[in-house]
Amino acid sequence: MNQLIVVPYRNRAAHLAQFLSHMAINYPCMRVCIVEQSQNKEFNRGKLLNIGYLENPGYKHYIFHDVDILPINALYETKGSVSVLQLVRNPIQLFEYLGGVTRFGRYVFAEAGGYHNDYYHRAEDNEMRFNLKRLCINVIEKPQTFTMLEHERKGPEFDPALWEKAKTPRTIQDQLSVCKYNLVQEKIFGNVKHITVDI
């Protein structure tokens, strides 16, 4: 086993169908794990990514991938041992962006302690970027070609209060060790695992 795509998901059935169909046709050998949040809490992308990592041990790399981003001739692998690879750009945050499609080496993700579990709706990637900087873990930006699916956005793209919160050093560095959840359901079809969790 080499690498796994982990997709945090809730209530985006049309996007999920497009994503899985696109991957099956264009990247048929890629393994994918959909991590679906079942409860009516605000969406917690970071915690779902932690769960995807915890529920799928043993891969060399984990590619944390939004469901509304489709790869177009994108290369998920790279030569050499790049620990964190940022594969997509953001038109709003032009510098030091982390998110959308990011690949972590297994041991580096563990060293970073995973994503912070307490960020709902957004800013978990900003917090991770500041966390990596404190740990002196480099992020290599190697943007690939992707297409973004249209979807309604709730709330502003940038929240100054969340940005400031994201700068705060963690009280508990290892967020993987305190990631609490209940596995509700697991389905496997082909190269795709779909798990549903209560968080």
Protein backbone atom coordinates (compact mmCIF):
# COMPACT_ATOMS: atom_id res chain seq x y z
CA MET A 1 0.00 0.00 0.00
CA ASN A 2 1.42 3.37 -1.04
CA GLN A 3 -1.09 6.21 -0.77
CA LEU A 4 -4.72 6.84 0.12
CA ILE A 5 -7.04 9.70 -0.78
CA VAL A 6 -9.14 10.75 2.23
CA VAL A 7 -12.27 12.77 1.45
CA PRO A 8 -14.20 14.50 4.27
CA TYR A 9 -17.88 14.56 3.35
CA ARG A 10 -21.42 15.47 4.31
CA ASN A 11 -24.58 16.32 2.34
CA ARG A 12 -22.95 16.75 -1.06
CA ALA A 13 -24.32 13.70 -2.91
CA ALA A 14 -24.03 15.19 -6.41
CA HIS A 15 -20.42 16.19 -5.85
CA LEU A 16 -19.56 12.82 -4.34
CA ALA A 17 -21.05 10.97 -7.32
CA GLN A 18 -19.07 13.17 -9.72
CA PHE A 19 -15.88 12.75 -7.75
CA LEU A 20 -16.09 8.96 -7.52
CA SER A 21 -17.03 8.60 -11.18
CA HIS A 22 -14.18 10.87 -12.22
CA MET A 23 -11.65 9.00 -10.09
CA ALA A 24 -12.85 5.59 -11.30
CA ILE A 25 -12.38 6.63 -14.92
CA ASN A 26 -9.19 8.70 -14.67
CA TYR A 27 -7.41 7.26 -11.60
CA PRO A 28 -8.73 3.70 -11.36
CA CYS A 29 -5.87 2.43 -9.20
CA MET A 30 -6.14 5.10 -6.52
CA ARG A 31 -7.57 4.00 -3.19
CA VAL A 32 -10.14 6.36 -1.69
CA CYS A 33 -11.72 6.62 1.74
CA ILE A 34 -14.84 8.75 2.12
CA VAL A 35 -15.30 9.89 5.73
CA GLU A 36 -18.90 11.03 6.19
CA GLN A 37 -20.03 13.07 9.17
CA SER A 38 -23.44 11.87 10.32
CA GLN A 39 -24.53 14.37 12.93
CA ASN A 40 -26.11 17.79 12.55
CA LYS A 41 -23.17 19.61 14.11
CA GLU A 42 -21.23 22.07 12.00
CA PHE A 43 -18.93 20.36 9.54
CA ASN A 44 -15.57 19.44 11.08
CA ARG A 45 -13.20 18.80 8.18
CA GLY A 46 -10.07 18.48 10.30
CA LYS A 47 -11.50 15.84 12.59
CA LEU A 48 -12.82 13.83 9.64
CA LEU A 49 -9.34 13.85 8.11
CA ASN A 50 -7.88 12.62 11.40
CA ILE A 51 -10.43 9.81 11.42
CA GLY A 52 -9.56 8.86 7.83
CA TYR A 53 -5.93 8.55 8.90
CA LEU A 54 -6.71 6.59 12.07
CA GLU A 55 -9.10 4.18 10.33
CA ASN A 56 -6.62 3.39 7.54
CA PRO A 57 -3.20 2.69 9.04
CA GLY A 58 -0.22 1.60 7.02
CA TYR A 59 -0.23 3.84 3.97
CA LYS A 60 2.94 5.71 3.07
CA HIS A 61 1.10 8.89 2.11
CA TYR A 62 -2.33 10.35 2.84
CA ILE A 63 -3.86 12.79 0.37
CA PHE A 64 -6.48 14.94 2.07
CA HIS A 65 -8.83 15.88 -0.74
CA ASP A 66 -11.99 18.00 -0.91
CA VAL A 67 -14.92 16.37 -2.71
CA ASP A 68 -15.51 19.37 -4.99
CA ILE A 69 -12.04 19.30 -6.55
CA LEU A 70 -11.48 17.03 -9.56
CA PRO A 71 -7.94 16.26 -10.77
CA ILE A 72 -7.10 16.97 -14.40
CA ASN A 73 -3.81 15.23 -15.24
CA ALA A 74 -2.73 15.80 -11.64
CA LEU A 75 0.28 13.94 -10.29
CA TYR A 76 -0.23 12.86 -6.69
CA GLU A 77 3.22 11.30 -6.39
CA THR A 78 6.61 12.95 -6.48
CA LYS A 79 10.21 11.78 -6.58
CA GLY A 80 12.08 11.93 -3.31
CA SER A 81 10.74 12.08 0.22
CA VAL A 82 8.62 15.22 0.32
CA SER A 83 6.90 15.25 3.71
CA VAL A 84 4.05 17.71 2.99
CA LEU A 85 2.97 18.53 -0.54
CA GLN A 86 0.38 21.23 -1.32
CA LEU A 87 -1.18 20.37 -4.67
CA VAL A 88 -3.77 23.10 -5.27
CA ARG A 89 -3.75 26.90 -5.12
CA ASN A 90 -6.32 29.19 -3.53
CA PRO A 91 -7.31 32.42 -5.33
CA ILE A 92 -8.05 34.14 -2.00
CA GLN A 93 -5.05 33.09 0.10
CA LEU A 94 -2.14 33.38 -2.30
CA PHE A 95 0.70 32.71 0.14
CA GLU A 96 1.28 29.82 2.54
CA TYR A 97 -2.06 28.23 1.71
CA LEU A 98 -2.76 24.72 2.95
CA GLY A 99 -5.92 22.89 1.98
CA GLY A 100 -8.08 21.57 -0.83
CA VAL A 101 -5.64 18.83 -1.80
CA THR A 102 -2.68 18.22 0.52
CA ARG A 103 -0.46 15.15 0.76
CA PHE A 104 1.20 14.16 4.04
CA GLY A 105 3.72 11.43 4.68
CA ARG A 106 2.45 9.01 7.32
CA TYR A 107 5.10 9.75 9.93
CA VAL A 108 5.04 13.51 9.34
CA PHE A 109 1.29 13.62 9.90
CA ALA A 110 1.78 11.74 13.16
CA GLU A 111 4.61 14.10 14.14
CA ALA A 112 2.35 17.08 13.42
CA GLY A 113 -0.30 15.51 15.65
CA GLY A 114 -2.97 15.54 12.96
CA TYR A 115 -5.41 18.38 12.44
CA HIS A 116 -6.89 20.23 15.40
CA ASN A 117 -10.19 18.58 16.39
CA ASP A 118 -11.92 21.76 17.57
CA TYR A 119 -12.28 23.72 14.32
CA TYR A 120 -15.77 23.67 12.84
CA HIS A 121 -16.71 25.09 9.45
CA ARG A 122 -13.24 26.43 8.48
CA ALA A 123 -9.70 27.50 9.50
CA GLU A 124 -8.44 24.00 10.38
CA ASP A 125 -5.95 24.26 7.50
CA ASN A 126 -4.69 27.64 8.69
CA GLU A 127 -4.15 26.18 12.15
CA MET A 128 -2.26 23.23 10.65
CA ARG A 129 -0.04 25.53 8.58
CA PHE A 130 0.95 27.54 11.68
CA ASN A 131 1.46 24.26 13.55
CA LEU A 132 3.78 22.92 10.86
CA LYS A 133 5.76 26.15 10.88
CA ARG A 134 6.28 25.90 14.65
CA LEU A 135 7.50 22.31 14.16
CA CYS A 136 9.85 23.38 11.33
CA ILE A 137 8.09 21.01 8.90
CA ASN A 138 8.33 22.38 5.37
CA VAL A 139 5.40 22.49 2.96
CA ILE A 140 6.35 22.13 -0.70
CA GLU A 141 3.95 23.85 -3.07
CA LYS A 142 3.59 21.89 -6.28
CA PRO A 143 0.27 22.99 -7.81
CA GLN A 144 -1.34 20.60 -10.25
CA THR A 145 -4.30 21.05 -12.59
CA PHE A 146 -7.73 20.63 -11.00
CA THR A 147 -11.24 21.78 -11.76
CA MET A 148 -13.47 23.12 -8.98
CA LEU A 149 -17.13 22.14 -8.82
CA GLU A 150 -19.62 24.90 -8.07
CA HIS A 151 -21.24 24.93 -4.65
CA GLU A 152 -22.96 27.32 -2.28
CA ARG A 153 -20.68 28.71 0.41
CA LYS A 154 -21.92 29.53 3.89
CA GLY A 155 -20.28 32.43 5.67
CA PRO A 156 -17.34 34.58 4.62
CA GLU A 157 -14.26 33.06 3.03
CA PHE A 158 -12.03 34.85 5.54
CA ASP A 159 -12.76 35.30 9.24
CA PRO A 160 -10.16 37.49 11.05
CA ALA A 161 -11.09 36.03 14.46
CA LEU A 162 -10.53 32.45 13.25
CA TRP A 163 -7.24 33.50 11.63
CA GLU A 164 -6.01 34.84 14.97
CA LYS A 165 -7.26 31.74 16.79
CA ALA A 166 -5.38 29.54 14.31
CA LYS A 167 -2.09 31.19 15.32
CA THR A 168 -2.46 30.03 18.93
CA PRO A 169 -0.12 27.14 19.87
CA ARG A 170 -1.90 23.92 20.75
CA THR A 171 -2.55 22.99 24.36
CA ILE A 172 -2.51 19.33 23.26
CA GLN A 173 -0.07 18.85 20.40
CA ASP A 174 -1.12 15.28 19.52
CA GLN A 175 -4.70 15.79 18.36
CA LEU A 176 -4.81 12.25 16.97
CA SER A 177 -4.63 10.85 20.50
CA VAL A 178 -7.70 12.84 21.59
CA CYS A 179 -9.78 12.35 18.43
CA LYS A 180 -13.01 10.85 19.77
CA TYR A 181 -15.64 9.42 17.44
CA ASN A 182 -17.98 6.48 16.88
CA LEU A 183 -17.85 4.42 13.69
CA VAL A 184 -21.46 4.06 12.54
CA GLN A 185 -21.08 2.23 9.24
CA GLU A 186 -18.44 0.98 6.83
CA LYS A 187 -18.94 -0.04 3.21
CA ILE A 188 -16.30 -1.14 0.72
CA PHE A 189 -16.78 -1.28 -3.03
CA GLY A 190 -13.75 -1.78 -5.22
CA ASN A 191 -10.99 0.67 -4.27
CA VAL A 192 -13.40 2.85 -2.28
CA LYS A 193 -14.12 2.61 1.43
CA HIS A 194 -17.02 4.72 2.74
CA ILE A 195 -17.26 5.15 6.48
CA THR A 196 -19.87 7.10 8.43
CA VAL A 197 -18.96 8.51 11.83
CA ASP A 198 -20.50 10.37 14.75
CA ILE A 199 -18.15 13.01 16.07
